[in-house]
Amino acid sequence: RWHFGAETVSRVHAYEFDVAAVLELCEREPALGRDLAVA
């Protein structure tokens, strides 16, 4: 659950990630999951 709210101040260009896909990748590749969790 979000701990903050968020609103764009100006137009934003970004990469958006689907959490389910990222968590699946982290499950398949535990070293990546650990490094991402630490970051």
PDB file of all heavy atoms in Angstrom:
ATOM      1  N   ARG A   1       0.863  -1.193   0.000  1.00  0.00           N
ATOM      2  CA  ARG A   1       0.000   0.000   0.000  1.00  0.00           C
ATOM      3  C   ARG A   1       0.888   1.228   0.000  1.00  0.00           C
ATOM      4  O   ARG A   1       1.921   1.255   0.671  1.00  0.00           O
ATOM      5  CB  ARG A   1      -0.895   0.032   1.242  1.00  0.00           C
ATOM      6  CG  ARG A   1      -1.808  -1.146   1.373  1.00  0.00           C
ATOM      7  CD  ARG A   1      -3.066  -0.913   0.610  1.00  0.00           C
ATOM      8  NE  ARG A   1      -3.909  -2.100   0.633  1.00  0.00           N
ATOM      9  CZ  ARG A   1      -4.833  -2.318  -0.266  1.00  0.00           C
ATOM     10  NH1 ARG A   1      -5.048  -1.445  -1.230  1.00  0.00           N
ATOM     11  NH2 ARG A   1      -5.563  -3.398  -0.212  1.00  0.00           N
ATOM     12  N   TRP A   2       0.486   2.253  -0.752  1.00  0.00           N
ATOM     13  CA  TRP A   2       1.282   3.485  -0.830  1.00  0.00           C
ATOM     14  C   TRP A   2       1.397   4.141   0.536  1.00  0.00           C
ATOM     15  O   TRP A   2       0.412   4.284   1.248  1.00  0.00           O
ATOM     16  CB  TRP A   2       0.657   4.469  -1.818  1.00  0.00           C
ATOM     17  CG  TRP A   2       0.628   3.989  -3.231  1.00  0.00           C
ATOM     18  CD1 TRP A   2      -0.486   3.786  -3.989  1.00  0.00           C
ATOM     19  CD2 TRP A   2       1.739   3.670  -4.064  1.00  0.00           C
ATOM     20  NE1 TRP A   2      -0.129   3.351  -5.237  1.00  0.00           N
ATOM     21  CE2 TRP A   2       1.243   3.272  -5.312  1.00  0.00           C
ATOM     22  CE3 TRP A   2       3.121   3.673  -3.878  1.00  0.00           C
ATOM     23  CZ2 TRP A   2       2.062   2.884  -6.366  1.00  0.00           C
ATOM     24  CZ3 TRP A   2       3.944   3.277  -4.928  1.00  0.00           C
ATOM     25  CH2 TRP A   2       3.409   2.900  -6.147  1.00  0.00           C
ATOM     26  N   HIS A   3       2.614   4.579   0.880  1.00  0.00           N
ATOM     27  CA  HIS A   3       2.855   5.283   2.138  1.00  0.00           C
ATOM     28  C   HIS A   3       2.744   6.795   1.979  1.00  0.00           C
ATOM     29  O   HIS A   3       2.651   7.515   2.962  1.00  0.00           O
ATOM     30  CB  HIS A   3       4.247   4.930   2.681  1.00  0.00           C
ATOM     31  CG  HIS A   3       4.315   3.545   3.207  1.00  0.00           C
ATOM     32  ND1 HIS A   3       4.474   2.441   2.401  1.00  0.00           N
ATOM     33  CD2 HIS A   3       4.209   3.072   4.463  1.00  0.00           C
ATOM     34  CE1 HIS A   3       4.483   1.359   3.139  1.00  0.00           C
ATOM     35  NE2 HIS A   3       4.323   1.707   4.397  1.00  0.00           N
ATOM     36  N   PHE A   4       2.796   7.274   0.754  1.00  0.00           N
ATOM     37  CA  PHE A   4       2.646   8.694   0.436  1.00  0.00           C
ATOM     38  C   PHE A   4       1.660   8.811  -0.721  1.00  0.00           C
ATOM     39  O   PHE A   4       1.284   7.815  -1.335  1.00  0.00           O
ATOM     40  CB  PHE A   4       3.986   9.308  -0.022  1.00  0.00           C
ATOM     41  CG  PHE A   4       5.067   9.291   1.014  1.00  0.00           C
ATOM     42  CD1 PHE A   4       6.085   8.345   0.975  1.00  0.00           C
ATOM     43  CD2 PHE A   4       5.092  10.239   2.029  1.00  0.00           C
ATOM     44  CE1 PHE A   4       7.088   8.335   1.928  1.00  0.00           C
ATOM     45  CE2 PHE A   4       6.093  10.236   2.991  1.00  0.00           C
ATOM     46  CZ  PHE A   4       7.094   9.278   2.939  1.00  0.00           C
ATOM     47  N   GLY A   5       1.268  10.028  -1.032  1.00  0.00           N
ATOM     48  CA  GLY A   5       0.545  10.325  -2.260  1.00  0.00           C
ATOM     49  C   GLY A   5       1.523  10.970  -3.226  1.00  0.00           C
ATOM     50  O   GLY A   5       2.595  11.441  -2.817  1.00  0.00           O
ATOM     51  N   ALA A   6       1.175  11.001  -4.518  1.00  0.00           N
ATOM     52  CA  ALA A   6       2.077  11.586  -5.513  1.00  0.00           C
ATOM     53  C   ALA A   6       1.284  12.304  -6.605  1.00  0.00           C
ATOM     54  O   ALA A   6       0.257  11.815  -7.063  1.00  0.00           O
ATOM     55  CB  ALA A   6       2.948  10.503  -6.142  1.00  0.00           C
ATOM     56  N   GLU A   7       1.806  13.489  -6.982  1.00  0.00           N
ATOM     57  CA  GLU A   7       1.191  14.284  -8.045  1.00  0.00           C
ATOM     58  C   GLU A   7       2.290  14.937  -8.878  1.00  0.00           C
ATOM     59  O   GLU A   7       3.273  15.439  -8.328  1.00  0.00           O
ATOM     60  CB  GLU A   7       0.293  15.361  -7.439  1.00  0.00           C
ATOM     61  CG  GLU A   7      -0.475  16.145  -8.469  1.00  0.00           C
ATOM     62  CD  GLU A   7      -1.517  17.044  -7.848  1.00  0.00           C
ATOM     63  OE1 GLU A   7      -2.165  16.632  -6.869  1.00  0.00           O
ATOM     64  OE2 GLU A   7      -1.680  18.172  -8.355  1.00  0.00           O
ATOM     65  N   THR A   8       2.096  14.929 -10.191  1.00  0.00           N
ATOM     66  CA  THR A   8       3.093  15.540 -11.065  1.00  0.00           C
ATOM     67  C   THR A   8       3.069  17.056 -10.908  1.00  0.00           C
ATOM     68  O   THR A   8       2.009  17.670 -10.839  1.00  0.00           O
ATOM     69  CB  THR A   8       2.864  15.172 -12.538  1.00  0.00           C
ATOM     70  OG1 THR A   8       1.539  15.545 -12.915  1.00  0.00           O
ATOM     71  CG2 THR A   8       3.064  13.682 -12.790  1.00  0.00           C
ATOM     72  N   VAL A   9       4.248  17.645 -10.822  1.00  0.00           N
ATOM     73  CA  VAL A   9       4.401  19.093 -10.751  1.00  0.00           C
ATOM     74  C   VAL A   9       4.536  19.643 -12.168  1.00  0.00           C
ATOM     75  O   VAL A   9       4.054  20.721 -12.492  1.00  0.00           O
ATOM     76  CB  VAL A   9       5.640  19.463  -9.907  1.00  0.00           C
ATOM     77  CG1 VAL A   9       5.885  20.962  -9.915  1.00  0.00           C
ATOM     78  CG2 VAL A   9       5.482  18.941  -8.483  1.00  0.00           C
ATOM     79  N   SER A  10       5.210  18.878 -13.007  1.00  0.00           N
ATOM     80  CA  SER A  10       5.385  19.207 -14.423  1.00  0.00           C
ATOM     81  C   SER A  10       5.170  17.922 -15.227  1.00  0.00           C
ATOM     82  O   SER A  10       5.030  16.841 -14.633  1.00  0.00           O
ATOM     83  CB  SER A  10       6.795  19.761 -14.672  1.00  0.00           C
ATOM     84  OG  SER A  10       7.769  18.787 -14.343  1.00  0.00           O
ATOM     85  N   ARG A  11       5.141  18.035 -16.548  1.00  0.00           N
ATOM     86  CA  ARG A  11       5.014  16.832 -17.379  1.00  0.00           C
ATOM     87  C   ARG A  11       6.169  15.896 -17.047  1.00  0.00           C
ATOM     88  O   ARG A  11       7.309  16.326 -16.929  1.00  0.00           O
ATOM     89  CB  ARG A  11       5.035  17.170 -18.864  1.00  0.00           C
ATOM     90  CG  ARG A  11       5.014  15.905 -19.743  1.00  0.00           C
ATOM     91  CD  ARG A  11       4.816  16.207 -21.207  1.00  0.00           C
ATOM     92  NE  ARG A  11       3.490  16.729 -21.491  1.00  0.00           N
ATOM     93  CZ  ARG A  11       2.376  15.980 -21.570  1.00  0.00           C
ATOM     94  NH1 ARG A  11       2.444  14.689 -21.371  1.00  0.00           N
ATOM     95  NH2 ARG A  11       1.221  16.536 -21.840  1.00  0.00           N
ATOM     96  N   VAL A  12       5.844  14.619 -16.902  1.00  0.00           N
ATOM     97  CA  VAL A  12       6.830  13.602 -16.532  1.00  0.00           C
ATOM     98  C   VAL A  12       6.962  12.585 -17.656  1.00  0.00           C
ATOM     99  O   VAL A  12       5.962  12.129 -18.210  1.00  0.00           O
ATOM    100  CB  VAL A  12       6.412  12.884 -15.224  1.00  0.00           C
ATOM    101  CG1 VAL A  12       7.223  11.630 -14.976  1.00  0.00           C
ATOM    102  CG2 VAL A  12       6.505  13.838 -14.043  1.00  0.00           C
ATOM    103  N   HIS A  13       8.203  12.265 -17.981  1.00  0.00           N
ATOM    104  CA  HIS A  13       8.517  11.141 -18.859  1.00  0.00           C
ATOM    105  C   HIS A  13       9.239  10.142 -17.977  1.00  0.00           C
ATOM    106  O   HIS A  13      10.175  10.505 -17.249  1.00  0.00           O
ATOM    107  CB  HIS A  13       9.390  11.576 -20.035  1.00  0.00           C
ATOM    108  CG  HIS A  13       8.680  12.501 -20.957  1.00  0.00           C
ATOM    109  ND1 HIS A  13       7.778  12.074 -21.906  1.00  0.00           N
ATOM    110  CD2 HIS A  13       8.713  13.848 -21.057  1.00  0.00           C
ATOM    111  CE1 HIS A  13       7.293  13.114 -22.556  1.00  0.00           C
ATOM    112  NE2 HIS A  13       7.843  14.214 -22.054  1.00  0.00           N
ATOM    113  N   ALA A  14       8.781   8.881 -18.024  1.00  0.00           N
ATOM    114  CA  ALA A  14       9.320   7.876 -17.112  1.00  0.00           C
ATOM    115  C   ALA A  14       9.185   6.489 -17.717  1.00  0.00           C
ATOM    116  O   ALA A  14       8.486   6.296 -18.717  1.00  0.00           O
ATOM    117  CB  ALA A  14       8.559   7.935 -15.786  1.00  0.00           C
ATOM    118  N   TYR A  15       9.852   5.550 -17.076  1.00  0.00           N
ATOM    119  CA  TYR A  15       9.614   4.141 -17.327  1.00  0.00           C
ATOM    120  C   TYR A  15       8.685   3.667 -16.221  1.00  0.00           C
ATOM    121  O   TYR A  15       8.949   3.899 -15.036  1.00  0.00           O
ATOM    122  CB  TYR A  15      10.909   3.331 -17.285  1.00  0.00           C
ATOM    123  CG  TYR A  15      11.664   3.342 -18.580  1.00  0.00           C
ATOM    124  CD1 TYR A  15      12.705   4.225 -18.787  1.00  0.00           C
ATOM    125  CD2 TYR A  15      11.319   2.462 -19.604  1.00  0.00           C
ATOM    126  CE1 TYR A  15      13.404   4.234 -19.981  1.00  0.00           C
ATOM    127  CE2 TYR A  15      12.019   2.462 -20.807  1.00  0.00           C
ATOM    128  CZ  TYR A  15      13.056   3.358 -20.992  1.00  0.00           C
ATOM    129  OH  TYR A  15      13.740   3.358 -22.168  1.00  0.00           O
ATOM    130  N   GLU A  16       7.601   3.001 -16.611  1.00  0.00           N
ATOM    131  CA  GLU A  16       6.643   2.453 -15.660  1.00  0.00           C
ATOM    132  C   GLU A  16       6.822   0.933 -15.622  1.00  0.00           C
ATOM    133  O   GLU A  16       6.987   0.301 -16.663  1.00  0.00           O
ATOM    134  CB  GLU A  16       5.227   2.798 -16.100  1.00  0.00           C
ATOM    135  CG  GLU A  16       4.151   2.276 -15.174  1.00  0.00           C
ATOM    136  CD  GLU A  16       2.771   2.673 -15.660  1.00  0.00           C
ATOM    137  OE1 GLU A  16       2.251   1.965 -16.562  1.00  0.00           O
ATOM    138  OE2 GLU A  16       2.239   3.670 -15.159  1.00  0.00           O
ATOM    139  N   PHE A  17       6.785   0.386 -14.408  1.00  0.00           N
ATOM    140  CA  PHE A  17       6.981  -1.042 -14.219  1.00  0.00           C
ATOM    141  C   PHE A  17       5.774  -1.659 -13.532  1.00  0.00           C
ATOM    142  O   PHE A  17       5.287  -1.118 -12.534  1.00  0.00           O
ATOM    143  CB  PHE A  17       8.222  -1.300 -13.359  1.00  0.00           C
ATOM    144  CG  PHE A  17       9.494  -0.864 -14.018  1.00  0.00           C
ATOM    145  CD1 PHE A  17       9.903   0.456 -13.942  1.00  0.00           C
ATOM    146  CD2 PHE A  17      10.263  -1.761 -14.731  1.00  0.00           C
ATOM    147  CE1 PHE A  17      11.065   0.873 -14.552  1.00  0.00           C
ATOM    148  CE2 PHE A  17      11.434  -1.359 -15.352  1.00  0.00           C
ATOM    149  CZ  PHE A  17      11.832  -0.033 -15.267  1.00  0.00           C
ATOM    150  N   ASP A  18       5.322  -2.792 -14.042  1.00  0.00           N
ATOM    151  CA  ASP A  18       4.266  -3.571 -13.425  1.00  0.00           C
ATOM    152  C   ASP A  18       4.901  -4.401 -12.316  1.00  0.00           C
ATOM    153  O   ASP A  18       5.848  -5.152 -12.553  1.00  0.00           O
ATOM    154  CB  ASP A  18       3.613  -4.476 -14.467  1.00  0.00           C
ATOM    155  CG  ASP A  18       2.599  -5.400 -13.838  1.00  0.00           C
ATOM    156  OD1 ASP A  18       1.520  -4.913 -13.476  1.00  0.00           O
ATOM    157  OD2 ASP A  18       2.909  -6.610 -13.689  1.00  0.00           O
ATOM    158  N   VAL A  19       4.402  -4.270 -11.099  1.00  0.00           N
ATOM    159  CA  VAL A  19       4.994  -4.928  -9.948  1.00  0.00           C
ATOM    160  C   VAL A  19       4.971  -6.445 -10.083  1.00  0.00           C
ATOM    161  O   VAL A  19       5.952  -7.115  -9.747  1.00  0.00           O
ATOM    162  CB  VAL A  19       4.286  -4.470  -8.652  1.00  0.00           C
ATOM    163  CG1 VAL A  19       4.617  -5.364  -7.485  1.00  0.00           C
ATOM    164  CG2 VAL A  19       4.667  -3.035  -8.355  1.00  0.00           C
ATOM    165  N   ALA A  20       3.885  -7.011 -10.579  1.00  0.00           N
ATOM    166  CA  ALA A  20       3.804  -8.473 -10.700  1.00  0.00           C
ATOM    167  C   ALA A  20       4.939  -9.005 -11.574  1.00  0.00           C
ATOM    168  O   ALA A  20       5.587 -10.005 -11.222  1.00  0.00           O
ATOM    169  CB  ALA A  20       2.449  -8.889 -11.262  1.00  0.00           C
ATOM    170  N   ALA A  21       5.226  -8.335 -12.679  1.00  0.00           N
ATOM    171  CA  ALA A  21       6.300  -8.778 -13.577  1.00  0.00           C
ATOM    172  C   ALA A  21       7.666  -8.640 -12.906  1.00  0.00           C
ATOM    173  O   ALA A  21       8.527  -9.521 -13.034  1.00  0.00           O
ATOM    174  CB  ALA A  21       6.261  -7.983 -14.874  1.00  0.00           C
ATOM    175  N   VAL A  22       7.874  -7.551 -12.174  1.00  0.00           N
ATOM    176  CA  VAL A  22       9.164  -7.340 -11.501  1.00  0.00           C
ATOM    177  C   VAL A  22       9.351  -8.365 -10.391  1.00  0.00           C
ATOM    178  O   VAL A  22      10.437  -8.947 -10.245  1.00  0.00           O
ATOM    179  CB  VAL A  22       9.280  -5.898 -10.968  1.00  0.00           C
ATOM    180  CG1 VAL A  22      10.518  -5.733 -10.092  1.00  0.00           C
ATOM    181  CG2 VAL A  22       9.309  -4.909 -12.132  1.00  0.00           C
ATOM    182  N   LEU A  23       8.304  -8.622  -9.611  1.00  0.00           N
ATOM    183  CA  LEU A  23       8.419  -9.608  -8.537  1.00  0.00           C
ATOM    184  C   LEU A  23       8.673 -11.011  -9.095  1.00  0.00           C
ATOM    185  O   LEU A  23       9.427 -11.793  -8.507  1.00  0.00           O
ATOM    186  CB  LEU A  23       7.174  -9.587  -7.654  1.00  0.00           C
ATOM    187  CG  LEU A  23       7.003  -8.327  -6.801  1.00  0.00           C
ATOM    188  CD1 LEU A  23       5.668  -8.356  -6.073  1.00  0.00           C
ATOM    189  CD2 LEU A  23       8.156  -8.150  -5.833  1.00  0.00           C
ATOM    190  N   GLU A  24       8.085 -11.312 -10.234  1.00  0.00           N
ATOM    191  CA  GLU A  24       8.332 -12.601 -10.896  1.00  0.00           C
ATOM    192  C   GLU A  24       9.796 -12.705 -11.320  1.00  0.00           C
ATOM    193  O   GLU A  24      10.439 -13.743 -11.134  1.00  0.00           O
ATOM    194  CB  GLU A  24       7.410 -12.750 -12.102  1.00  0.00           C
ATOM    195  CG  GLU A  24       7.534 -14.085 -12.799  1.00  0.00           C
ATOM    196  CD  GLU A  24       6.581 -14.178 -13.978  1.00  0.00           C
ATOM    197  OE1 GLU A  24       5.368 -13.993 -13.766  1.00  0.00           O
ATOM    198  OE2 GLU A  24       7.066 -14.424 -15.101  1.00  0.00           O
ATOM    199  N   LEU A  25      10.345 -11.637 -11.897  1.00  0.00           N
ATOM    200  CA  LEU A  25      11.759 -11.616 -12.273  1.00  0.00           C
ATOM    201  C   LEU A  25      12.638 -11.808 -11.036  1.00  0.00           C
ATOM    202  O   LEU A  25      13.606 -12.582 -11.070  1.00  0.00           O
ATOM    203  CB  LEU A  25      12.103 -10.294 -12.967  1.00  0.00           C
ATOM    204  CG  LEU A  25      13.581 -10.063 -13.290  1.00  0.00           C
ATOM    205  CD1 LEU A  25      14.082 -11.095 -14.303  1.00  0.00           C
ATOM    206  CD2 LEU A  25      13.786  -8.638 -13.808  1.00  0.00           C
ATOM    207  N   CYS A  26      12.312 -11.139  -9.954  1.00  0.00           N
ATOM    208  CA  CYS A  26      13.094 -11.262  -8.718  1.00  0.00           C
ATOM    209  C   CYS A  26      13.032 -12.681  -8.159  1.00  0.00           C
ATOM    210  O   CYS A  26      14.013 -13.175  -7.595  1.00  0.00           O
ATOM    211  CB  CYS A  26      12.592 -10.267  -7.674  1.00  0.00           C
ATOM    212  SG  CYS A  26      12.919  -8.551  -8.109  1.00  0.00           S
ATOM    213  N   GLU A  27      11.910 -13.334  -8.316  1.00  0.00           N
ATOM    214  CA  GLU A  27      11.762 -14.729  -7.869  1.00  0.00           C
ATOM    215  C   GLU A  27      12.647 -15.661  -8.703  1.00  0.00           C
ATOM    216  O   GLU A  27      13.293 -16.557  -8.162  1.00  0.00           O
ATOM    217  CB  GLU A  27      10.284 -15.142  -7.981  1.00  0.00           C
ATOM    218  CG  GLU A  27       9.976 -16.493  -7.423  1.00  0.00           C
ATOM    219  CD  GLU A  27       9.980 -16.533  -5.902  1.00  0.00           C
ATOM    220  OE1 GLU A  27       9.785 -15.492  -5.267  1.00  0.00           O
ATOM    221  OE2 GLU A  27      10.194 -17.632  -5.364  1.00  0.00           O
ATOM    222  N   ARG A  28      12.679 -15.419 -10.003  1.00  0.00           N
ATOM    223  CA  ARG A  28      13.507 -16.239 -10.907  1.00  0.00           C
ATOM    224  C   ARG A  28      14.991 -15.977 -10.720  1.00  0.00           C
ATOM    225  O   ARG A  28      15.813 -16.854 -10.941  1.00  0.00           O
ATOM    226  CB  ARG A  28      13.151 -15.963 -12.372  1.00  0.00           C
ATOM    227  CG  ARG A  28      11.875 -16.592 -12.851  1.00  0.00           C
ATOM    228  CD  ARG A  28      11.737 -16.538 -14.369  1.00  0.00           C
ATOM    229  NE  ARG A  28      12.242 -15.345 -15.015  1.00  0.00           N
ATOM    230  CZ  ARG A  28      11.518 -14.268 -15.340  1.00  0.00           C
ATOM    231  NH1 ARG A  28      10.234 -14.239 -15.076  1.00  0.00           N
ATOM    232  NH2 ARG A  28      12.069 -13.232 -15.938  1.00  0.00           N
ATOM    233  N   GLU A  29      15.333 -14.740 -10.362  1.00  0.00           N
ATOM    234  CA  GLU A  29      16.731 -14.340 -10.235  1.00  0.00           C
ATOM    235  C   GLU A  29      16.951 -13.734  -8.848  1.00  0.00           C
ATOM    236  O   GLU A  29      16.935 -12.516  -8.682  1.00  0.00           O
ATOM    237  CB  GLU A  29      17.089 -13.342 -11.328  1.00  0.00           C
ATOM    238  CG  GLU A  29      16.910 -13.919 -12.727  1.00  0.00           C
ATOM    239  CD  GLU A  29      17.421 -12.993 -13.809  1.00  0.00           C
ATOM    240  OE1 GLU A  29      18.386 -12.242 -13.554  1.00  0.00           O
ATOM    241  OE2 GLU A  29      16.849 -13.033 -14.903  1.00  0.00           O
ATOM    242  N   PRO A  30      17.179 -14.586  -7.857  1.00  0.00           N
ATOM    243  CA  PRO A  30      17.287 -14.112  -6.465  1.00  0.00           C
ATOM    244  C   PRO A  30      18.368 -13.052  -6.244  1.00  0.00           C
ATOM    245  O   PRO A  30      18.170 -12.158  -5.424  1.00  0.00           O
ATOM    246  CB  PRO A  30      17.594 -15.386  -5.679  1.00  0.00           C
ATOM    247  CG  PRO A  30      17.103 -16.503  -6.535  1.00  0.00           C
ATOM    248  CD  PRO A  30      17.247 -16.038  -7.949  1.00  0.00           C
ATOM    249  N   ALA A  31      19.485 -13.128  -6.951  1.00  0.00           N
ATOM    250  CA  ALA A  31      20.536 -12.108  -6.767  1.00  0.00           C
ATOM    251  C   ALA A  31      20.029 -10.738  -7.212  1.00  0.00           C
ATOM    252  O   ALA A  31      20.259  -9.734  -6.535  1.00  0.00           O
ATOM    253  CB  ALA A  31      21.797 -12.486  -7.536  1.00  0.00           C
ATOM    254  N   LEU A  32      19.314 -10.695  -8.315  1.00  0.00           N
ATOM    255  CA  LEU A  32      18.730  -9.433  -8.782  1.00  0.00           C
ATOM    256  C   LEU A  32      17.699  -8.947  -7.771  1.00  0.00           C
ATOM    257  O   LEU A  32      17.676  -7.763  -7.420  1.00  0.00           O
ATOM    258  CB  LEU A  32      18.095  -9.622 -10.165  1.00  0.00           C
ATOM    259  CG  LEU A  32      17.573  -8.347 -10.822  1.00  0.00           C
ATOM    260  CD1 LEU A  32      17.649  -8.468 -12.334  1.00  0.00           C
ATOM    261  CD2 LEU A  32      16.186  -7.983 -10.401  1.00  0.00           C
ATOM    262  N   GLY A  33      16.867  -9.863  -7.277  1.00  0.00           N
ATOM    263  CA  GLY A  33      15.849  -9.495  -6.287  1.00  0.00           C
ATOM    264  C   GLY A  33      16.465  -8.916  -5.029  1.00  0.00           C
ATOM    265  O   GLY A  33      15.999  -7.911  -4.505  1.00  0.00           O
ATOM    266  N   ARG A  34      17.540  -9.549  -4.554  1.00  0.00           N
ATOM    267  CA  ARG A  34      18.223  -9.057  -3.352  1.00  0.00           C
ATOM    268  C   ARG A  34      18.813  -7.670  -3.605  1.00  0.00           C
ATOM    269  O   ARG A  34      18.639  -6.754  -2.804  1.00  0.00           O
ATOM    270  CB  ARG A  34      19.328 -10.036  -2.944  1.00  0.00           C
ATOM    271  CG  ARG A  34      20.093  -9.591  -1.697  1.00  0.00           C
ATOM    272  CD  ARG A  34      21.406 -10.334  -1.523  1.00  0.00           C
ATOM    273  NE  ARG A  34      22.284 -10.032  -2.657  1.00  0.00           N
ATOM    274  CZ  ARG A  34      22.835 -10.959  -3.457  1.00  0.00           C
ATOM    275  NH1 ARG A  34      22.621 -12.230  -3.274  1.00  0.00           N
ATOM    276  NH2 ARG A  34      23.602 -10.591  -4.465  1.00  0.00           N
ATOM    277  N   ASP A  35      19.512  -7.521  -4.733  1.00  0.00           N
ATOM    278  CA  ASP A  35      20.144  -6.236  -5.031  1.00  0.00           C
ATOM    279  C   ASP A  35      19.113  -5.128  -5.210  1.00  0.00           C
ATOM    280  O   ASP A  35      19.319  -4.000  -4.764  1.00  0.00           O
ATOM    281  CB  ASP A  35      21.033  -6.359  -6.268  1.00  0.00           C
ATOM    282  CG  ASP A  35      22.243  -7.262  -6.032  1.00  0.00           C
ATOM    283  OD1 ASP A  35      22.525  -7.602  -4.862  1.00  0.00           O
ATOM    284  OD2 ASP A  35      22.895  -7.634  -7.033  1.00  0.00           O
ATOM    285  N   LEU A  36      17.993  -5.450  -5.854  1.00  0.00           N
ATOM    286  CA  LEU A  36      16.937  -4.459  -6.033  1.00  0.00           C
ATOM    287  C   LEU A  36      16.306  -4.098  -4.684  1.00  0.00           C
ATOM    288  O   LEU A  36      16.074  -2.923  -4.394  1.00  0.00           O
ATOM    289  CB  LEU A  36      15.874  -4.972  -7.006  1.00  0.00           C
ATOM    290  CG  LEU A  36      14.739  -4.019  -7.338  1.00  0.00           C
ATOM    291  CD1 LEU A  36      15.257  -2.713  -7.937  1.00  0.00           C
ATOM    292  CD2 LEU A  36      13.743  -4.696  -8.283  1.00  0.00           C
ATOM    293  N   ALA A  37      16.078  -5.100  -3.839  1.00  0.00           N
ATOM    294  CA  ALA A  37      15.489  -4.838  -2.517  1.00  0.00           C
ATOM    295  C   ALA A  37      16.401  -3.951  -1.676  1.00  0.00           C
ATOM    296  O   ALA A  37      15.930  -3.029  -0.997  1.00  0.00           O
ATOM    297  CB  ALA A  37      15.206  -6.153  -1.790  1.00  0.00           C
ATOM    298  N   VAL A  38      17.698  -4.195  -1.721  1.00  0.00           N
ATOM    299  CA  VAL A  38      18.652  -3.371  -0.971  1.00  0.00           C
ATOM    300  C   VAL A  38      18.637  -1.936  -1.505  1.00  0.00           C
ATOM    301  O   VAL A  38      18.635  -0.967  -0.730  1.00  0.00           O
ATOM    302  CB  VAL A  38      20.074  -3.984  -1.024  1.00  0.00           C
ATOM    303  CG1 VAL A  38      21.123  -3.004  -0.528  1.00  0.00           C
ATOM    304  CG2 VAL A  38      20.112  -5.278  -0.220  1.00  0.00           C
ATOM    305  N   ALA A  39      18.611  -1.787  -2.822  1.00  0.00           N
ATOM    306  CA  ALA A  39      18.585  -0.444  -3.424  1.00  0.00           C
ATOM    307  C   ALA A  39      17.308   0.301  -3.055  1.00  0.00           C
ATOM    308  O   ALA A  39      17.343   1.488  -2.707  1.00  0.00           O
ATOM    309  CB  ALA A  39      18.729  -0.550  -4.939  1.00  0.00           C
TER     310      ALA A  39
END
